[in-house]
Amino acid sequence: MADVHVRYVSSLQARERFRVGVRVTRVGTSSITFGYRVLGGDGRLCAEGDSVEVAIDPKTRRPRALTAEARQLVSG
């Protein structure tokens, strides 16, 4: 994980049902950006954010290009 941002909008109450939505918003050469939304039981926006995940070469510990298979999986 290279970067995370969260913006809180509205509180959730104890035991309140909620939904979390996740989507791919960008596919880069070596990274994938995800967008998130948390909706309360009544549909109101409680939080939203994004995160950037970077593919790392385990030997060099440096970013590496995403494989064609990985790009296909996240691009749909």
PDB file of N, CA and C in Angstrom:
ATOM      1  N   MET A   1       0.848  -1.158   0.000  1.00  0.00           N
ATOM      2  CA  MET A   1       0.000   0.000   0.000  1.00  0.00           C
ATOM      3  C   MET A   1       0.902   1.232   0.000  1.00  0.00           C
ATOM      4  N   ALA A   2       0.650   2.103  -0.957  1.00  0.00           N
ATOM      5  CA  ALA A   2       1.487   3.282  -1.088  1.00  0.00           C
ATOM      6  C   ALA A   2       0.835   4.538  -0.530  1.00  0.00           C
ATOM      7  N   ASP A   3      -0.500   4.598  -0.560  1.00  0.00           N
ATOM      8  CA  ASP A   3      -1.177   5.831  -0.163  1.00  0.00           C
ATOM      9  C   ASP A   3      -2.616   5.511   0.223  1.00  0.00           C
ATOM     10  N   VAL A   4      -3.137   6.201   1.248  1.00  0.00           N
ATOM     11  CA  VAL A   4      -4.524   6.023   1.684  1.00  0.00           C
ATOM     12  C   VAL A   4      -5.077   7.377   2.090  1.00  0.00           C
ATOM     13  N   HIS A   5      -6.314   7.658   1.653  1.00  0.00           N
ATOM     14  CA  HIS A   5      -7.017   8.875   2.059  1.00  0.00           C
ATOM     15  C   HIS A   5      -8.437   8.494   2.454  1.00  0.00           C
ATOM     16  N   VAL A   6      -8.918   9.063   3.571  1.00  0.00           N
ATOM     17  CA  VAL A   6     -10.285   8.817   4.028  1.00  0.00           C
ATOM     18  C   VAL A   6     -10.894  10.149   4.438  1.00  0.00           C
ATOM     19  N   ARG A   7     -12.137  10.361   4.017  1.00  0.00           N
ATOM     20  CA  ARG A   7     -12.874  11.552   4.434  1.00  0.00           C
ATOM     21  C   ARG A   7     -14.133  11.075   5.142  1.00  0.00           C
ATOM     22  N   TYR A   8     -14.226  11.391   6.428  1.00  0.00           N
ATOM     23  CA  TYR A   8     -15.395  11.016   7.222  1.00  0.00           C
ATOM     24  C   TYR A   8     -16.469  12.082   7.049  1.00  0.00           C
ATOM     25  N   VAL A   9     -17.706  11.648   6.831  1.00  0.00           N
ATOM     26  CA  VAL A   9     -18.800  12.563   6.549  1.00  0.00           C
ATOM     27  C   VAL A   9     -19.874  12.504   7.620  1.00  0.00           C
ATOM     28  N   SER A  10     -20.250  11.299   8.038  1.00  0.00           N
ATOM     29  CA  SER A  10     -21.343  11.107   8.985  1.00  0.00           C
ATOM     30  C   SER A  10     -21.044   9.890   9.851  1.00  0.00           C
ATOM     31  N   SER A  11     -21.424   9.959  11.107  1.00  0.00           N
ATOM     32  CA  SER A  11     -21.174   8.852  12.035  1.00  0.00           C
ATOM     33  C   SER A  11     -22.119   7.685  11.803  1.00  0.00           C
ATOM     34  N   LEU A  12     -21.625   6.491  12.058  1.00  0.00           N
ATOM     35  CA  LEU A  12     -22.455   5.295  12.120  1.00  0.00           C
ATOM     36  C   LEU A  12     -22.825   5.070  13.582  1.00  0.00           C
ATOM     37  N   GLN A  13     -24.033   4.596  13.817  1.00  0.00           N
ATOM     38  CA  GLN A  13     -24.466   4.308  15.170  1.00  0.00           C
ATOM     39  C   GLN A  13     -24.121   2.860  15.516  1.00  0.00           C
ATOM     40  N   ALA A  14     -24.013   2.560  16.813  1.00  0.00           N
ATOM     41  CA  ALA A  14     -23.742   1.191  17.248  1.00  0.00           C
ATOM     42  C   ALA A  14     -24.791   0.251  16.670  1.00  0.00           C
ATOM     43  N   ARG A  15     -24.354  -0.839  16.093  1.00  0.00           N
ATOM     44  CA  ARG A  15     -25.195  -1.884  15.510  1.00  0.00           C
ATOM     45  C   ARG A  15     -25.964  -1.445  14.265  1.00  0.00           C
ATOM     46  N   GLU A  16     -25.653  -0.271  13.737  1.00  0.00           N
ATOM     47  CA  GLU A  16     -26.301   0.168  12.499  1.00  0.00           C
ATOM     48  C   GLU A  16     -25.750  -0.641  11.328  1.00  0.00           C
ATOM     49  N   ARG A  17     -26.621  -1.080  10.459  1.00  0.00           N
ATOM     50  CA  ARG A  17     -26.180  -1.766   9.246  1.00  0.00           C
ATOM     51  C   ARG A  17     -25.564  -0.739   8.310  1.00  0.00           C
ATOM     52  N   PHE A  18     -24.568  -1.188   7.553  1.00  0.00           N
ATOM     53  CA  PHE A  18     -23.932  -0.299   6.589  1.00  0.00           C
ATOM     54  C   PHE A  18     -23.421  -1.107   5.416  1.00  0.00           C
ATOM     55  N   ARG A  19     -23.115  -0.430   4.328  1.00  0.00           N
ATOM     56  CA  ARG A  19     -22.580  -1.071   3.128  1.00  0.00           C
ATOM     57  C   ARG A  19     -21.261  -0.402   2.770  1.00  0.00           C
ATOM     58  N   VAL A  20     -20.329  -1.210   2.272  1.00  0.00           N
ATOM     59  CA  VAL A  20     -19.043  -0.705   1.800  1.00  0.00           C
ATOM     60  C   VAL A  20     -18.940  -1.027   0.314  1.00  0.00           C
ATOM     61  N   GLY A  21     -18.730  -0.016  -0.497  1.00  0.00           N
ATOM     62  CA  GLY A  21     -18.538  -0.206  -1.930  1.00  0.00           C
ATOM     63  C   GLY A  21     -17.079   0.012  -2.282  1.00  0.00           C
ATOM     64  N   VAL A  22     -16.555  -0.830  -3.156  1.00  0.00           N
ATOM     65  CA  VAL A  22     -15.159  -0.725  -3.599  1.00  0.00           C
ATOM     66  C   VAL A  22     -15.140  -0.827  -5.114  1.00  0.00           C
ATOM     67  N   ARG A  23     -14.355   0.023  -5.763  1.00  0.00           N
ATOM     68  CA  ARG A  23     -14.214  -0.069  -7.215  1.00  0.00           C
ATOM     69  C   ARG A  23     -12.802   0.325  -7.620  1.00  0.00           C
ATOM     70  N   VAL A  24     -12.371  -0.176  -8.750  1.00  0.00           N
ATOM     71  CA  VAL A  24     -11.071   0.208  -9.312  1.00  0.00           C
ATOM     72  C   VAL A  24     -11.291   1.518 -10.047  1.00  0.00           C
ATOM     73  N   THR A  25     -10.510   2.533  -9.692  1.00  0.00           N
ATOM     74  CA  THR A  25     -10.664   3.833 -10.348  1.00  0.00           C
ATOM     75  C   THR A  25      -9.535   4.134 -11.328  1.00  0.00           C
ATOM     76  N   ARG A  26      -8.425   3.412 -11.198  1.00  0.00           N
ATOM     77  CA  ARG A  26      -7.299   3.643 -12.106  1.00  0.00           C
ATOM     78  C   ARG A  26      -6.379   2.430 -12.086  1.00  0.00           C
ATOM     79  N   VAL A  27      -5.891   2.061 -13.259  1.00  0.00           N
ATOM     80  CA  VAL A  27      -4.879   1.010 -13.365  1.00  0.00           C
ATOM     81  C   VAL A  27      -3.668   1.645 -14.026  1.00  0.00           C
ATOM     82  N   GLY A  28      -2.566   1.702 -13.286  1.00  0.00           N
ATOM     83  CA  GLY A  28      -1.332   2.271 -13.815  1.00  0.00           C
ATOM     84  C   GLY A  28      -0.379   1.179 -14.275  1.00  0.00           C
ATOM     85  N   THR A  29       0.847   1.567 -14.536  1.00  0.00           N
ATOM     86  CA  THR A  29       1.863   0.609 -14.973  1.00  0.00           C
ATOM     87  C   THR A  29       2.193  -0.388 -13.867  1.00  0.00           C
ATOM     88  N   SER A  30       2.344   0.125 -12.638  1.00  0.00           N
ATOM     89  CA  SER A  30       2.697  -0.748 -11.518  1.00  0.00           C
ATOM     90  C   SER A  30       1.744  -0.597 -10.335  1.00  0.00           C
ATOM     91  N   SER A  31       0.675   0.157 -10.509  1.00  0.00           N
ATOM     92  CA  SER A  31      -0.225   0.409  -9.380  1.00  0.00           C
ATOM     93  C   SER A  31      -1.685   0.313  -9.779  1.00  0.00           C
ATOM     94  N   ILE A  32      -2.515   0.109  -8.764  1.00  0.00           N
ATOM     95  CA  ILE A  32      -3.965   0.090  -8.915  1.00  0.00           C
ATOM     96  C   ILE A  32      -4.530   1.018  -7.849  1.00  0.00           C
ATOM     97  N   THR A  33      -5.445   1.906  -8.255  1.00  0.00           N
ATOM     98  CA  THR A  33      -6.114   2.797  -7.312  1.00  0.00           C
ATOM     99  C   THR A  33      -7.537   2.310  -7.112  1.00  0.00           C
ATOM    100  N   PHE A  34      -7.930   2.195  -5.838  1.00  0.00           N
ATOM    101  CA  PHE A  34      -9.270   1.768  -5.470  1.00  0.00           C
ATOM    102  C   PHE A  34     -10.015   2.936  -4.832  1.00  0.00           C
ATOM    103  N   GLY A  35     -11.306   3.055  -5.114  1.00  0.00           N
ATOM    104  CA  GLY A  35     -12.165   4.035  -4.460  1.00  0.00           C
ATOM    105  C   GLY A  35     -13.122   3.315  -3.533  1.00  0.00           C
ATOM    106  N   TYR A  36     -13.436   3.925  -2.397  1.00  0.00           N
ATOM    107  CA  TYR A  36     -14.281   3.309  -1.376  1.00  0.00           C
ATOM    108  C   TYR A  36     -15.393   4.270  -0.962  1.00  0.00           C
ATOM    109  N   ARG A  37     -16.558   3.723  -0.636  1.00  0.00           N
ATOM    110  CA  ARG A  37     -17.654   4.494  -0.053  1.00  0.00           C
ATOM    111  C   ARG A  37     -18.303   3.648   1.034  1.00  0.00           C
ATOM    112  N   VAL A  38     -18.596   4.259   2.174  1.00  0.00           N
ATOM    113  CA  VAL A  38     -19.323   3.607   3.256  1.00  0.00           C
ATOM    114  C   VAL A  38     -20.661   4.320   3.376  1.00  0.00           C
ATOM    115  N   LEU A  39     -21.747   3.556   3.219  1.00  0.00           N
ATOM    116  CA  LEU A  39     -23.097   4.114   3.297  1.00  0.00           C
ATOM    117  C   LEU A  39     -23.809   3.564   4.520  1.00  0.00           C
ATOM    118  N   GLY A  40     -24.465   4.450   5.259  1.00  0.00           N
ATOM    119  CA  GLY A  40     -25.247   4.031   6.412  1.00  0.00           C
ATOM    120  C   GLY A  40     -26.481   3.277   5.975  1.00  0.00           C
ATOM    121  N   GLY A  41     -27.201   2.699   6.933  1.00  0.00           N
ATOM    122  CA  GLY A  41     -28.384   1.909   6.651  1.00  0.00           C
ATOM    123  C   GLY A  41     -29.463   2.665   5.888  1.00  0.00           C
ATOM    124  N   ASP A  42     -29.491   3.979   6.038  1.00  0.00           N
ATOM    125  CA  ASP A  42     -30.489   4.787   5.337  1.00  0.00           C
ATOM    126  C   ASP A  42     -29.957   5.333   4.007  1.00  0.00           C
ATOM    127  N   GLY A  43     -28.769   4.877   3.609  1.00  0.00           N
ATOM    128  CA  GLY A  43     -28.193   5.299   2.334  1.00  0.00           C
ATOM    129  C   GLY A  43     -27.327   6.546   2.376  1.00  0.00           C
ATOM    130  N   ARG A  44     -27.197   7.170   3.549  1.00  0.00           N
ATOM    131  CA  ARG A  44     -26.389   8.385   3.633  1.00  0.00           C
ATOM    132  C   ARG A  44     -24.892   8.043   3.549  1.00  0.00           C
ATOM    133  N   LEU A  45     -24.134   8.942   2.976  1.00  0.00           N
ATOM    134  CA  LEU A  45     -22.691   8.769   2.877  1.00  0.00           C
ATOM    135  C   LEU A  45     -22.058   8.985   4.244  1.00  0.00           C
ATOM    136  N   CYS A  46     -21.307   8.001   4.722  1.00  0.00           N
ATOM    137  CA  CYS A  46     -20.632   8.106   6.018  1.00  0.00           C
ATOM    138  C   CYS A  46     -19.139   8.362   5.847  1.00  0.00           C
ATOM    139  N   ALA A  47     -18.547   7.772   4.813  1.00  0.00           N
ATOM    140  CA  ALA A  47     -17.114   7.982   4.557  1.00  0.00           C
ATOM    141  C   ALA A  47     -16.821   7.616   3.112  1.00  0.00           C
ATOM    142  N   GLU A  48     -15.776   8.216   2.585  1.00  0.00           N
ATOM    143  CA  GLU A  48     -15.295   7.858   1.257  1.00  0.00           C
ATOM    144  C   GLU A  48     -13.786   8.029   1.238  1.00  0.00           C
ATOM    145  N   GLY A  49     -13.149   7.326   0.344  1.00  0.00           N
ATOM    146  CA  GLY A  49     -11.701   7.420   0.292  1.00  0.00           C
ATOM    147  C   GLY A  49     -11.133   6.670  -0.882  1.00  0.00           C
ATOM    148  N   ASP A  50      -9.815   6.611  -0.898  1.00  0.00           N
ATOM    149  CA  ASP A  50      -9.126   5.864  -1.945  1.00  0.00           C
ATOM    150  C   ASP A  50      -7.806   5.348  -1.411  1.00  0.00           C
ATOM    151  N   SER A  51      -7.287   4.335  -2.092  1.00  0.00           N
ATOM    152  CA  SER A  51      -5.977   3.790  -1.743  1.00  0.00           C
ATOM    153  C   SER A  51      -5.255   3.397  -3.017  1.00  0.00           C
ATOM    154  N   VAL A  52      -3.938   3.453  -2.952  1.00  0.00           N
ATOM    155  CA  VAL A  52      -3.098   3.057  -4.078  1.00  0.00           C
ATOM    156  C   VAL A  52      -2.258   1.871  -3.641  1.00  0.00           C
ATOM    157  N   GLU A  53      -2.391   0.781  -4.386  1.00  0.00           N
ATOM    158  CA  GLU A  53      -1.621  -0.436  -4.136  1.00  0.00           C
ATOM    159  C   GLU A  53      -0.577  -0.553  -5.241  1.00  0.00           C
ATOM    160  N   VAL A  54       0.659  -0.835  -4.871  1.00  0.00           N
ATOM    161  CA  VAL A  54       1.749  -0.931  -5.847  1.00  0.00           C
ATOM    162  C   VAL A  54       2.303  -2.348  -5.859  1.00  0.00           C
ATOM    163  N   ALA A  55       2.476  -2.893  -7.066  1.00  0.00           N
ATOM    164  CA  ALA A  55       3.088  -4.221  -7.211  1.00  0.00           C
ATOM    165  C   ALA A  55       4.589  -4.093  -6.933  1.00  0.00           C
ATOM    166  N   ILE A  56       5.106  -4.973  -6.098  1.00  0.00           N
ATOM    167  CA  ILE A  56       6.510  -4.922  -5.682  1.00  0.00           C
ATOM    168  C   ILE A  56       7.216  -6.218  -6.083  1.00  0.00           C
ATOM    169  N   ASP A  57       8.411  -6.093  -6.619  1.00  0.00           N
ATOM    170  CA  ASP A  57       9.256  -7.261  -6.905  1.00  0.00           C
ATOM    171  C   ASP A  57       9.811  -7.753  -5.576  1.00  0.00           C
ATOM    172  N   PRO A  58       9.542  -9.010  -5.189  1.00  0.00           N
ATOM    173  CA  PRO A  58       9.988  -9.490  -3.876  1.00  0.00           C
ATOM    174  C   PRO A  58      11.506  -9.538  -3.712  1.00  0.00           C
ATOM    175  N   LYS A  59      12.235  -9.665  -4.807  1.00  0.00           N
ATOM    176  CA  LYS A  59      13.706  -9.732  -4.704  1.00  0.00           C
ATOM    177  C   LYS A  59      14.331  -8.352  -4.549  1.00  0.00           C
ATOM    178  N   THR A  60      13.878  -7.400  -5.341  1.00  0.00           N
ATOM    179  CA  THR A  60      14.484  -6.061  -5.319  1.00  0.00           C
ATOM    180  C   THR A  60      13.767  -5.096  -4.384  1.00  0.00           C
ATOM    181  N   ARG A  61      12.518  -5.462  -3.989  1.00  0.00           N
ATOM    182  CA  ARG A  61      11.682  -4.596  -3.147  1.00  0.00           C
ATOM    183  C   ARG A  61      11.376  -3.268  -3.844  1.00  0.00           C
ATOM    184  N   ARG A  62      11.390  -3.262  -5.155  1.00  0.00           N
ATOM    185  CA  ARG A  62      11.099  -2.076  -5.969  1.00  0.00           C
ATOM    186  C   ARG A  62       9.791  -2.321  -6.741  1.00  0.00           C
ATOM    187  N   PRO A  63       9.111  -1.244  -7.150  1.00  0.00           N
ATOM    188  CA  PRO A  63       7.901  -1.429  -7.955  1.00  0.00           C
ATOM    189  C   PRO A  63       8.205  -2.206  -9.234  1.00  0.00           C
ATOM    190  N   ARG A  64       7.234  -3.015  -9.653  1.00  0.00           N
ATOM    191  CA  ARG A  64       7.365  -3.764 -10.903  1.00  0.00           C
ATOM    192  C   ARG A  64       6.073  -3.589 -11.688  1.00  0.00           C
ATOM    193  N   ALA A  65       6.152  -3.775 -12.983  1.00  0.00           N
ATOM    194  CA  ALA A  65       4.967  -3.641 -13.833  1.00  0.00           C
ATOM    195  C   ALA A  65       3.946  -4.717 -13.489  1.00  0.00           C
ATOM    196  N   LEU A  66       2.677  -4.351 -13.558  1.00  0.00           N
ATOM    197  CA  LEU A  66       1.611  -5.323 -13.370  1.00  0.00           C
ATOM    198  C   LEU A  66       1.638  -6.315 -14.522  1.00  0.00           C
ATOM    199  N   THR A  67       1.350  -7.559 -14.233  1.00  0.00           N
ATOM    200  CA  THR A  67       1.284  -8.566 -15.285  1.00  0.00           C
ATOM    201  C   THR A  67       0.027  -8.343 -16.123  1.00  0.00           C
ATOM    202  N   ALA A  68       0.029  -8.862 -17.329  1.00  0.00           N
ATOM    203  CA  ALA A  68      -1.148  -8.770 -18.192  1.00  0.00           C
ATOM    204  C   ALA A  68      -2.352  -9.425 -17.506  1.00  0.00           C
ATOM    205  N   GLU A  69      -2.118 -10.533 -16.812  1.00  0.00           N
ATOM    206  CA  GLU A  69      -3.192 -11.227 -16.103  1.00  0.00           C
ATOM    207  C   GLU A  69      -3.789 -10.347 -15.008  1.00  0.00           C
ATOM    208  N   ALA A  70      -2.934  -9.693 -14.235  1.00  0.00           N
ATOM    209  CA  ALA A  70      -3.420  -8.809 -13.160  1.00  0.00           C
ATOM    210  C   ALA A  70      -4.216  -7.642 -13.745  1.00  0.00           C
ATOM    211  N   ARG A  71      -3.726  -7.062 -14.823  1.00  0.00           N
ATOM    212  CA  ARG A  71      -4.425  -5.947 -15.466  1.00  0.00           C
ATOM    213  C   ARG A  71      -5.799  -6.399 -15.955  1.00  0.00           C
ATOM    214  N   GLN A  72      -5.876  -7.596 -16.520  1.00  0.00           N
ATOM    215  CA  GLN A  72      -7.139  -8.133 -17.017  1.00  0.00           C
ATOM    216  C   GLN A  72      -8.121  -8.358 -15.863  1.00  0.00           C
ATOM    217  N   LEU A  73      -7.630  -8.907 -14.755  1.00  0.00           N
ATOM    218  CA  LEU A  73      -8.495  -9.190 -13.605  1.00  0.00           C
ATOM    219  C   LEU A  73      -9.131  -7.928 -13.040  1.00  0.00           C
ATOM    220  N   VAL A  74      -8.375  -6.854 -12.919  1.00  0.00           N
ATOM    221  CA  VAL A  74      -8.914  -5.638 -12.300  1.00  0.00           C
ATOM    222  C   VAL A  74      -9.632  -4.737 -13.298  1.00  0.00           C
ATOM    223  N   SER A  75      -9.363  -4.912 -14.576  1.00  0.00           N
ATOM    224  CA  SER A  75     -10.012  -4.075 -15.592  1.00  0.00           C
ATOM    225  C   SER A  75     -11.352  -4.636 -16.017  1.00  0.00           C
ATOM    226  N   GLY A  76     -11.577  -5.910 -15.742  1.00  0.00           N
ATOM    227  CA  GLY A  76     -12.867  -6.529 -16.062  1.00  0.00           C
ATOM    228  C   GLY A  76     -12.879  -6.972 -17.457  1.00  0.00           C
TER     229      GLY A  76
END
